[in-house]
Amino acid sequence: MGKTTTVMNLAAALSRANNVLVVDVDPQQSAARWAERAGDDLPFDFAADVDPNNIMGLRDLDGYDIVPRRHAWQP
């Protein structure tokens, strides 16, 4: 019900003043398809992964101010 649209638009707005990484962990990968269509025009970084171990490691990345997740799974 608009969750992907909300996350992607919020990330775009936040990326105007922050380094943003969106992580799509939803098995449907709706945000990943959105990001693929945007290509180089996407104003923030994007990752798609459903492996909890990989997702937990994203917290340790340097250089990002905000990491919103589009998720079905919550760590």
C-alpha atoms as a PDB file:
ATOM      1  CA  MET A   1       0.000   0.000   0.000  1.00  0.00           C
ATOM      2  CA  GLY A   2       2.521   2.610  -1.109  1.00  0.00           C
ATOM      3  CA  LYS A   3       5.426   1.474   1.083  1.00  0.00           C
ATOM      4  CA  THR A   4       7.937   1.277  -1.768  1.00  0.00           C
ATOM      5  CA  THR A   5       6.845   4.625  -3.178  1.00  0.00           C
ATOM      6  CA  THR A   6       7.157   6.201   0.269  1.00  0.00           C
ATOM      7  CA  VAL A   7      10.656   4.809   0.882  1.00  0.00           C
ATOM      8  CA  MET A   8      11.966   5.768  -2.543  1.00  0.00           C
ATOM      9  CA  ASN A   9      10.554   9.303  -2.387  1.00  0.00           C
ATOM     10  CA  LEU A  10      11.743   9.810   1.188  1.00  0.00           C
ATOM     11  CA  ALA A  11      15.236   8.606   0.210  1.00  0.00           C
ATOM     12  CA  ALA A  12      15.278  10.996  -2.766  1.00  0.00           C
ATOM     13  CA  ALA A  13      14.286  13.918  -0.549  1.00  0.00           C
ATOM     14  CA  LEU A  14      16.818  13.012   2.155  1.00  0.00           C
ATOM     15  CA  SER A  15      19.577  12.585  -0.426  1.00  0.00           C
ATOM     16  CA  ARG A  16      19.526  16.322  -1.135  1.00  0.00           C
ATOM     17  CA  ALA A  17      21.466  16.891   2.090  1.00  0.00           C
ATOM     18  CA  ASN A  18      22.605  13.404   3.152  1.00  0.00           C
ATOM     19  CA  ASN A  19      24.375  10.310   1.853  1.00  0.00           C
ATOM     20  CA  VAL A  20      21.547   7.765   1.658  1.00  0.00           C
ATOM     21  CA  LEU A  21      21.573   4.012   1.086  1.00  0.00           C
ATOM     22  CA  VAL A  22      18.237   2.233   0.537  1.00  0.00           C
ATOM     23  CA  VAL A  23      18.229  -1.507   1.182  1.00  0.00           C
ATOM     24  CA  ASP A  24      15.404  -3.618  -0.273  1.00  0.00           C
ATOM     25  CA  VAL A  25      15.112  -6.860   1.699  1.00  0.00           C
ATOM     26  CA  ASP A  26      11.591  -7.640   0.543  1.00  0.00           C
ATOM     27  CA  PRO A  27      11.521 -10.911  -1.450  1.00  0.00           C
ATOM     28  CA  GLN A  28       9.263  -9.202  -4.021  1.00  0.00           C
ATOM     29  CA  GLN A  29      12.092  -6.722  -4.726  1.00  0.00           C
ATOM     30  CA  SER A  30       9.716  -3.916  -5.773  1.00  0.00           C
ATOM     31  CA  ALA A  31      12.178  -1.202  -4.792  1.00  0.00           C
ATOM     32  CA  ALA A  32      14.941  -3.013  -6.695  1.00  0.00           C
ATOM     33  CA  ARG A  33      12.865  -2.882  -9.871  1.00  0.00           C
ATOM     34  CA  TRP A  34      12.210   0.813  -9.260  1.00  0.00           C
ATOM     35  CA  ALA A  35      15.950   1.438  -8.790  1.00  0.00           C
ATOM     36  CA  GLU A  36      16.829  -0.508 -11.954  1.00  0.00           C
ATOM     37  CA  ARG A  37      14.399   1.594 -13.995  1.00  0.00           C
ATOM     38  CA  ALA A  38      15.880   4.813 -12.584  1.00  0.00           C
ATOM     39  CA  GLY A  39      19.424   3.726 -13.434  1.00  0.00           C
ATOM     40  CA  ASP A  40      21.972   6.534 -13.153  1.00  0.00           C
ATOM     41  CA  ASP A  41      19.203   9.038 -12.354  1.00  0.00           C
ATOM     42  CA  LEU A  42      18.688   7.508  -8.889  1.00  0.00           C
ATOM     43  CA  PRO A  43      19.915  10.216  -6.457  1.00  0.00           C
ATOM     44  CA  PHE A  44      20.958   7.755  -3.733  1.00  0.00           C
ATOM     45  CA  ASP A  45      22.710   4.399  -3.416  1.00  0.00           C
ATOM     46  CA  PHE A  46      20.715   1.214  -3.438  1.00  0.00           C
ATOM     47  CA  ALA A  47      21.217  -2.416  -2.416  1.00  0.00           C
ATOM     48  CA  ALA A  48      18.907  -5.418  -2.625  1.00  0.00           C
ATOM     49  CA  ASP A  49      19.561  -8.391  -0.374  1.00  0.00           C
ATOM     50  CA  VAL A  50      17.468 -10.765   1.712  1.00  0.00           C
ATOM     51  CA  ASP A  51      20.327 -12.414   3.641  1.00  0.00           C
ATOM     52  CA  PRO A  52      20.138 -11.202   7.279  1.00  0.00           C
ATOM     53  CA  ASN A  53      23.920 -11.554   7.739  1.00  0.00           C
ATOM     54  CA  ASN A  54      24.630  -9.231   4.811  1.00  0.00           C
ATOM     55  CA  ILE A  55      22.012  -6.753   5.963  1.00  0.00           C
ATOM     56  CA  MET A  56      23.436  -6.560   9.481  1.00  0.00           C
ATOM     57  CA  GLY A  57      26.864  -5.768   7.978  1.00  0.00           C
ATOM     58  CA  LEU A  58      25.463  -2.707   6.212  1.00  0.00           C
ATOM     59  CA  ARG A  59      25.265  -0.931   9.555  1.00  0.00           C
ATOM     60  CA  ASP A  60      29.064  -0.867   9.610  1.00  0.00           C
ATOM     61  CA  LEU A  61      29.454   0.927   6.260  1.00  0.00           C
ATOM     62  CA  ASP A  62      31.103   4.328   6.398  1.00  0.00           C
ATOM     63  CA  GLY A  63      29.944   7.289   4.390  1.00  0.00           C
ATOM     64  CA  TYR A  64      26.183   7.005   4.849  1.00  0.00           C
ATOM     65  CA  ASP A  65      24.115   9.314   6.993  1.00  0.00           C
ATOM     66  CA  ILE A  66      20.819   7.472   6.509  1.00  0.00           C
ATOM     67  CA  VAL A  67      20.042   3.844   5.619  1.00  0.00           C
ATOM     68  CA  PRO A  68      16.264   3.367   5.230  1.00  0.00           C
ATOM     69  CA  ARG A  69      15.170  -0.202   4.524  1.00  0.00           C
ATOM     70  CA  ARG A  70      12.220  -1.411   2.513  1.00  0.00           C
ATOM     71  CA  HIS A  71      11.598  -4.601   4.441  1.00  0.00           C
ATOM     72  CA  ALA A  72       9.524  -7.628   5.149  1.00  0.00           C
ATOM     73  CA  TRP A  73      12.144  -8.822   7.644  1.00  0.00           C
ATOM     74  CA  GLN A  74      13.157  -6.768  10.669  1.00  0.00           C
ATOM     75  CA  PRO A  75      16.513  -7.447  12.433  1.00  0.00           C
END
